[in-house]
Amino acid sequence: VKDGFVIRKPQTIHSRARARRQAEAKAKGRHTGYGKRRGTREARLPTKLLWIRRLRVLRRLLRKYRDSKKIDKHLYHELYMKVKGNVFKNKRVLIEAVHKQKAEKVREEA
């Protein structure tokens, strides 16, 4: 503060270049080993979230099949409850089950 002026210092540069580079590497899957993990597996990706995703996918498929008359409401309900009870691991398994049940029904009718 000389001769009545307040001299403003220029702002110090705080570059995000290193952070960006790190984020890029992380996107490729680097620096994600066990030693870098602070949260539990559950905290990082909750199993409930996985369950919700799977349940919604399977229920959506069943709804689609019922609406397009591929399955009747009885089979729909039976499979719906099985989906809720964790019988089908994924969409492919459910589709196979649907085909199997339909084939069985045809065999019974014949």
N, C-alpha and C. Protein backbone atom coordinates (compact mmCIF):
# COMPACT_ATOMS: atom_id res chain seq x y z
N VAL A 1 0.85 -1.18 0.00
CA VAL A 1 0.00 0.00 0.00
C VAL A 1 0.89 1.24 0.00
N LYS A 2 1.40 1.57 -1.16
CA LYS A 2 2.19 2.80 -1.21
C LYS A 2 1.48 3.82 -2.08
N ASP A 3 1.72 5.08 -1.85
CA ASP A 3 1.02 6.23 -2.44
C ASP A 3 -0.51 6.02 -2.60
N GLY A 4 -1.11 5.45 -1.53
CA GLY A 4 -2.57 5.37 -1.43
C GLY A 4 -3.24 4.36 -2.34
N PHE A 5 -2.46 3.57 -3.09
CA PHE A 5 -3.07 2.53 -3.93
C PHE A 5 -3.04 1.18 -3.24
N VAL A 6 -4.09 0.37 -3.45
CA VAL A 6 -4.08 -1.02 -2.99
C VAL A 6 -3.79 -1.86 -4.22
N ILE A 7 -2.66 -2.54 -4.20
CA ILE A 7 -2.28 -3.32 -5.37
C ILE A 7 -2.91 -4.72 -5.25
N ARG A 8 -3.65 -5.09 -6.29
CA ARG A 8 -4.29 -6.42 -6.30
C ARG A 8 -3.37 -7.42 -6.96
N LYS A 9 -3.06 -8.49 -6.21
CA LYS A 9 -2.19 -9.53 -6.76
C LYS A 9 -2.98 -10.36 -7.76
N PRO A 10 -2.34 -10.84 -8.81
CA PRO A 10 -3.05 -11.73 -9.74
C PRO A 10 -3.39 -13.05 -9.04
N GLN A 11 -4.52 -13.64 -9.45
CA GLN A 11 -4.95 -14.88 -8.83
C GLN A 11 -4.01 -16.02 -9.20
N THR A 12 -3.73 -16.86 -8.21
CA THR A 12 -2.84 -18.00 -8.47
C THR A 12 -3.60 -19.02 -9.33
N ILE A 13 -2.91 -19.59 -10.28
CA ILE A 13 -3.54 -20.55 -11.18
C ILE A 13 -3.68 -21.89 -10.47
N HIS A 14 -4.86 -22.47 -10.61
CA HIS A 14 -5.13 -23.79 -10.03
C HIS A 14 -5.65 -24.68 -11.16
N SER A 15 -4.73 -25.33 -11.82
CA SER A 15 -5.07 -26.06 -13.04
C SER A 15 -5.74 -27.40 -12.74
N ARG A 16 -6.74 -27.74 -13.56
CA ARG A 16 -7.41 -29.04 -13.42
C ARG A 16 -6.86 -30.08 -14.39
N ALA A 17 -5.75 -29.75 -15.05
CA ALA A 17 -5.20 -30.65 -16.06
C ALA A 17 -4.89 -32.03 -15.49
N ARG A 18 -4.24 -32.05 -14.33
CA ARG A 18 -3.90 -33.34 -13.71
C ARG A 18 -5.16 -34.11 -13.34
N ALA A 19 -6.14 -33.40 -12.80
CA ALA A 19 -7.40 -34.04 -12.41
C ALA A 19 -8.08 -34.66 -13.63
N ARG A 20 -8.03 -33.89 -14.75
CA ARG A 20 -8.66 -34.38 -15.97
C ARG A 20 -7.96 -35.64 -16.47
N ARG A 21 -6.63 -35.60 -16.41
CA ARG A 21 -5.86 -36.77 -16.86
C ARG A 21 -6.19 -37.99 -16.02
N GLN A 22 -6.30 -37.79 -14.71
CA GLN A 22 -6.62 -38.88 -13.78
C GLN A 22 -8.01 -39.45 -14.09
N ALA A 23 -8.95 -38.55 -14.34
CA ALA A 23 -10.33 -38.97 -14.62
C ALA A 23 -10.38 -39.79 -15.91
N GLU A 24 -9.58 -39.37 -16.89
CA GLU A 24 -9.51 -40.08 -18.17
C GLU A 24 -9.02 -41.51 -17.96
N ALA A 25 -7.96 -41.63 -17.16
CA ALA A 25 -7.39 -42.95 -16.87
C ALA A 25 -8.42 -43.80 -16.14
N LYS A 26 -9.14 -43.16 -15.21
CA LYS A 26 -10.13 -43.89 -14.43
C LYS A 26 -11.25 -44.41 -15.33
N ALA A 27 -11.60 -43.63 -16.36
CA ALA A 27 -12.63 -44.04 -17.30
C ALA A 27 -12.20 -45.30 -18.05
N LYS A 28 -10.87 -45.41 -18.24
CA LYS A 28 -10.33 -46.62 -18.88
C LYS A 28 -10.23 -47.78 -17.91
N GLY A 29 -10.49 -47.49 -16.62
CA GLY A 29 -10.49 -48.55 -15.61
C GLY A 29 -9.19 -48.66 -14.84
N ARG A 30 -8.31 -47.63 -14.92
CA ARG A 30 -7.09 -47.65 -14.12
C ARG A 30 -7.38 -47.12 -12.71
N HIS A 31 -6.49 -47.39 -11.81
CA HIS A 31 -6.56 -46.90 -10.42
C HIS A 31 -7.86 -47.30 -9.73
N THR A 32 -8.34 -48.51 -9.99
CA THR A 32 -9.58 -48.91 -9.32
C THR A 32 -9.41 -50.24 -8.59
N GLY A 33 -8.16 -50.58 -8.27
CA GLY A 33 -7.90 -51.84 -7.57
C GLY A 33 -8.39 -51.80 -6.13
N TYR A 34 -8.21 -52.90 -5.42
CA TYR A 34 -8.70 -53.00 -4.04
C TYR A 34 -8.12 -51.90 -3.16
N GLY A 35 -6.87 -51.56 -3.41
CA GLY A 35 -6.20 -50.57 -2.56
C GLY A 35 -6.76 -49.17 -2.70
N LYS A 36 -7.47 -48.90 -3.79
CA LYS A 36 -8.00 -47.56 -4.02
C LYS A 36 -9.43 -47.42 -3.51
N ARG A 37 -10.01 -48.50 -3.04
CA ARG A 37 -11.43 -48.47 -2.68
C ARG A 37 -11.60 -48.14 -1.20
N ARG A 38 -12.42 -47.12 -0.94
CA ARG A 38 -12.66 -46.73 0.44
C ARG A 38 -14.00 -47.28 0.94
N GLY A 39 -15.03 -47.25 0.07
CA GLY A 39 -16.34 -47.73 0.49
C GLY A 39 -16.44 -49.25 0.36
N THR A 40 -17.39 -49.82 1.10
CA THR A 40 -17.64 -51.24 0.95
C THR A 40 -18.23 -51.49 -0.43
N ARG A 41 -18.25 -52.73 -0.85
CA ARG A 41 -18.80 -53.08 -2.16
C ARG A 41 -20.25 -52.61 -2.23
N GLU A 42 -20.96 -52.77 -1.13
CA GLU A 42 -22.37 -52.40 -1.06
C GLU A 42 -22.56 -50.89 -1.22
N ALA A 43 -21.62 -50.13 -0.67
CA ALA A 43 -21.71 -48.68 -0.75
C ALA A 43 -21.39 -48.18 -2.16
N ARG A 44 -20.52 -48.90 -2.85
CA ARG A 44 -20.10 -48.47 -4.18
C ARG A 44 -21.15 -48.77 -5.24
N LEU A 45 -21.80 -49.92 -5.13
CA LEU A 45 -22.89 -50.28 -6.03
C LEU A 45 -23.82 -51.22 -5.27
N PRO A 46 -24.89 -50.67 -4.69
CA PRO A 46 -25.76 -51.47 -3.82
C PRO A 46 -26.40 -52.64 -4.56
N THR A 47 -26.47 -53.79 -3.88
CA THR A 47 -27.09 -54.95 -4.50
C THR A 47 -28.58 -54.67 -4.72
N LYS A 48 -29.16 -53.82 -3.87
CA LYS A 48 -30.57 -53.48 -4.03
C LYS A 48 -30.79 -52.81 -5.38
N LEU A 49 -29.85 -51.94 -5.75
CA LEU A 49 -29.95 -51.23 -7.02
C LEU A 49 -29.91 -52.23 -8.18
N LEU A 50 -28.99 -53.20 -8.08
CA LEU A 50 -28.89 -54.24 -9.11
C LEU A 50 -30.20 -55.03 -9.19
N TRP A 51 -30.74 -55.36 -8.01
CA TRP A 51 -31.99 -56.12 -7.95
C TRP A 51 -33.12 -55.34 -8.61
N ILE A 52 -33.22 -54.04 -8.29
CA ILE A 52 -34.28 -53.21 -8.86
C ILE A 52 -34.18 -53.17 -10.38
N ARG A 53 -32.95 -52.98 -10.89
CA ARG A 53 -32.73 -52.95 -12.34
C ARG A 53 -33.22 -54.25 -12.98
N ARG A 54 -32.79 -55.38 -12.39
CA ARG A 54 -33.14 -56.68 -12.96
C ARG A 54 -34.64 -56.91 -12.91
N LEU A 55 -35.24 -56.60 -11.78
CA LEU A 55 -36.68 -56.81 -11.59
C LEU A 55 -37.48 -56.02 -12.62
N ARG A 56 -37.06 -54.76 -12.82
CA ARG A 56 -37.78 -53.91 -13.76
C ARG A 56 -37.67 -54.42 -15.18
N VAL A 57 -36.46 -54.90 -15.54
CA VAL A 57 -36.25 -55.45 -16.88
C VAL A 57 -37.16 -56.65 -17.11
N LEU A 58 -37.17 -57.58 -16.14
CA LEU A 58 -37.95 -58.80 -16.29
C LEU A 58 -39.45 -58.51 -16.31
N ARG A 59 -39.88 -57.61 -15.43
CA ARG A 59 -41.31 -57.29 -15.39
C ARG A 59 -41.75 -56.61 -16.67
N ARG A 60 -40.88 -55.75 -17.22
CA ARG A 60 -41.18 -55.07 -18.47
C ARG A 60 -41.37 -56.10 -19.58
N LEU A 61 -40.47 -57.10 -19.61
CA LEU A 61 -40.56 -58.15 -20.63
C LEU A 61 -41.88 -58.92 -20.51
N LEU A 62 -42.22 -59.28 -19.27
CA LEU A 62 -43.47 -60.03 -19.06
C LEU A 62 -44.68 -59.21 -19.53
N ARG A 63 -44.66 -57.91 -19.20
CA ARG A 63 -45.76 -57.04 -19.60
C ARG A 63 -45.87 -57.00 -21.12
N LYS A 64 -44.70 -56.89 -21.76
CA LYS A 64 -44.66 -56.82 -23.23
C LYS A 64 -45.25 -58.10 -23.84
N TYR A 65 -44.85 -59.25 -23.28
CA TYR A 65 -45.33 -60.53 -23.78
C TYR A 65 -46.82 -60.68 -23.58
N ARG A 66 -47.32 -60.21 -22.43
CA ARG A 66 -48.75 -60.33 -22.15
C ARG A 66 -49.56 -59.43 -23.08
N ASP A 67 -49.09 -58.22 -23.29
CA ASP A 67 -49.81 -57.28 -24.15
C ASP A 67 -49.82 -57.73 -25.60
N SER A 68 -48.71 -58.40 -26.03
CA SER A 68 -48.65 -58.86 -27.41
C SER A 68 -49.22 -60.28 -27.55
N LYS A 69 -49.91 -60.74 -26.53
CA LYS A 69 -50.61 -62.04 -26.52
C LYS A 69 -49.67 -63.24 -26.68
N LYS A 70 -48.40 -63.07 -26.34
CA LYS A 70 -47.49 -64.22 -26.40
C LYS A 70 -47.74 -65.15 -25.22
N ILE A 71 -48.15 -64.55 -24.09
CA ILE A 71 -48.52 -65.37 -22.93
C ILE A 71 -49.88 -64.90 -22.40
N ASP A 72 -50.64 -65.84 -21.82
CA ASP A 72 -51.93 -65.46 -21.25
C ASP A 72 -51.73 -64.93 -19.83
N LYS A 73 -52.81 -64.43 -19.24
CA LYS A 73 -52.68 -63.77 -17.94
C LYS A 73 -52.29 -64.76 -16.82
N HIS A 74 -52.65 -66.03 -16.98
CA HIS A 74 -52.32 -67.01 -15.94
C HIS A 74 -50.82 -67.28 -15.92
N LEU A 75 -50.27 -67.50 -17.10
CA LEU A 75 -48.82 -67.72 -17.21
C LEU A 75 -48.07 -66.47 -16.78
N TYR A 76 -48.63 -65.32 -17.16
CA TYR A 76 -48.03 -64.04 -16.77
C TYR A 76 -47.91 -63.96 -15.26
N HIS A 77 -49.00 -64.26 -14.57
CA HIS A 77 -49.01 -64.14 -13.11
C HIS A 77 -48.02 -65.12 -12.47
N GLU A 78 -48.02 -66.33 -12.99
CA GLU A 78 -47.13 -67.36 -12.46
C GLU A 78 -45.66 -66.92 -12.59
N LEU A 79 -45.31 -66.45 -13.80
CA LEU A 79 -43.94 -66.01 -14.04
C LEU A 79 -43.62 -64.74 -13.25
N TYR A 80 -44.61 -63.85 -13.11
CA TYR A 80 -44.42 -62.61 -12.37
C TYR A 80 -44.00 -62.92 -10.93
N MET A 81 -44.70 -63.87 -10.34
CA MET A 81 -44.39 -64.23 -8.95
C MET A 81 -43.02 -64.91 -8.85
N LYS A 82 -42.68 -65.68 -9.87
CA LYS A 82 -41.37 -66.33 -9.88
C LYS A 82 -40.25 -65.30 -10.01
N VAL A 83 -40.50 -64.27 -10.83
CA VAL A 83 -39.52 -63.18 -10.98
C VAL A 83 -39.32 -62.52 -9.62
N LYS A 84 -40.42 -62.27 -8.93
CA LYS A 84 -40.35 -61.64 -7.62
C LYS A 84 -39.58 -62.53 -6.64
N GLY A 85 -39.72 -63.84 -6.82
CA GLY A 85 -39.06 -64.79 -5.93
C GLY A 85 -37.65 -65.14 -6.35
N ASN A 86 -37.07 -64.39 -7.28
CA ASN A 86 -35.66 -64.54 -7.65
C ASN A 86 -35.37 -65.89 -8.29
N VAL A 87 -36.26 -66.34 -9.18
CA VAL A 87 -36.05 -67.62 -9.86
C VAL A 87 -35.20 -67.42 -11.11
N PHE A 88 -35.40 -66.27 -11.78
CA PHE A 88 -34.71 -66.04 -13.05
C PHE A 88 -33.55 -65.08 -12.87
N LYS A 89 -32.39 -65.53 -13.34
CA LYS A 89 -31.15 -64.76 -13.14
C LYS A 89 -31.11 -63.54 -14.05
N ASN A 90 -31.61 -63.69 -15.28
CA ASN A 90 -31.59 -62.57 -16.22
C ASN A 90 -32.67 -62.76 -17.28
N LYS A 91 -32.68 -61.84 -18.24
CA LYS A 91 -33.71 -61.81 -19.27
C LYS A 91 -33.69 -63.07 -20.13
N ARG A 92 -32.48 -63.52 -20.51
CA ARG A 92 -32.35 -64.69 -21.38
C ARG A 92 -32.98 -65.92 -20.72
N VAL A 93 -32.69 -66.11 -19.45
CA VAL A 93 -33.22 -67.27 -18.72
C VAL A 93 -34.75 -67.21 -18.67
N LEU A 94 -35.27 -66.01 -18.47
CA LEU A 94 -36.72 -65.84 -18.42
C LEU A 94 -37.36 -66.17 -19.77
N ILE A 95 -36.74 -65.70 -20.85
CA ILE A 95 -37.27 -65.97 -22.20
C ILE A 95 -37.28 -67.48 -22.46
N GLU A 96 -36.19 -68.15 -22.06
CA GLU A 96 -36.13 -69.62 -22.23
C GLU A 96 -37.27 -70.28 -21.47
N ALA A 97 -37.51 -69.82 -20.25
CA ALA A 97 -38.57 -70.39 -19.42
C ALA A 97 -39.93 -70.20 -20.08
N VAL A 98 -40.13 -69.04 -20.66
CA VAL A 98 -41.40 -68.75 -21.35
C VAL A 98 -41.61 -69.73 -22.49
N HIS A 99 -40.55 -69.91 -23.29
CA HIS A 99 -40.64 -70.84 -24.43
C HIS A 99 -40.94 -72.26 -23.96
N LYS A 100 -40.25 -72.67 -22.90
CA LYS A 100 -40.43 -74.02 -22.36
C LYS A 100 -41.87 -74.22 -21.89
N GLN A 101 -42.39 -73.25 -21.16
CA GLN A 101 -43.76 -73.36 -20.63
C GLN A 101 -44.78 -73.39 -21.77
N LYS A 102 -44.55 -72.57 -22.81
CA LYS A 102 -45.47 -72.55 -23.94
C LYS A 102 -45.45 -73.90 -24.68
N ALA A 103 -44.25 -74.45 -24.84
CA ALA A 103 -44.12 -75.76 -25.51
C ALA A 103 -44.85 -76.84 -24.70
N GLU A 104 -44.72 -76.75 -23.39
CA GLU A 104 -45.37 -77.71 -22.51
C GLU A 104 -46.89 -77.63 -22.66
N LYS A 105 -47.40 -76.40 -22.73
CA LYS A 105 -48.84 -76.18 -22.88
C LYS A 105 -49.35 -76.79 -24.19
N VAL A 106 -48.57 -76.57 -25.27
CA VAL A 106 -48.94 -77.12 -26.58
C VAL A 106 -48.98 -78.65 -26.51
N ARG A 107 -47.97 -79.22 -25.82
CA ARG A 107 -47.90 -80.68 -25.69
C ARG A 107 -49.10 -81.23 -24.93
N GLU A 108 -49.52 -80.52 -23.88
CA GLU A 108 -50.67 -80.95 -23.10
C GLU A 108 -51.95 -80.92 -23.92
N GLU A 109 -52.07 -79.85 -24.74
CA GLU A 109 -53.28 -79.71 -25.54
C GLU A 109 -53.37 -80.78 -26.64
N ALA A 110 -52.22 -81.19 -27.16
CA ALA A 110 -52.20 -82.18 -28.24
C ALA A 110 -52.52 -83.58 -27.73
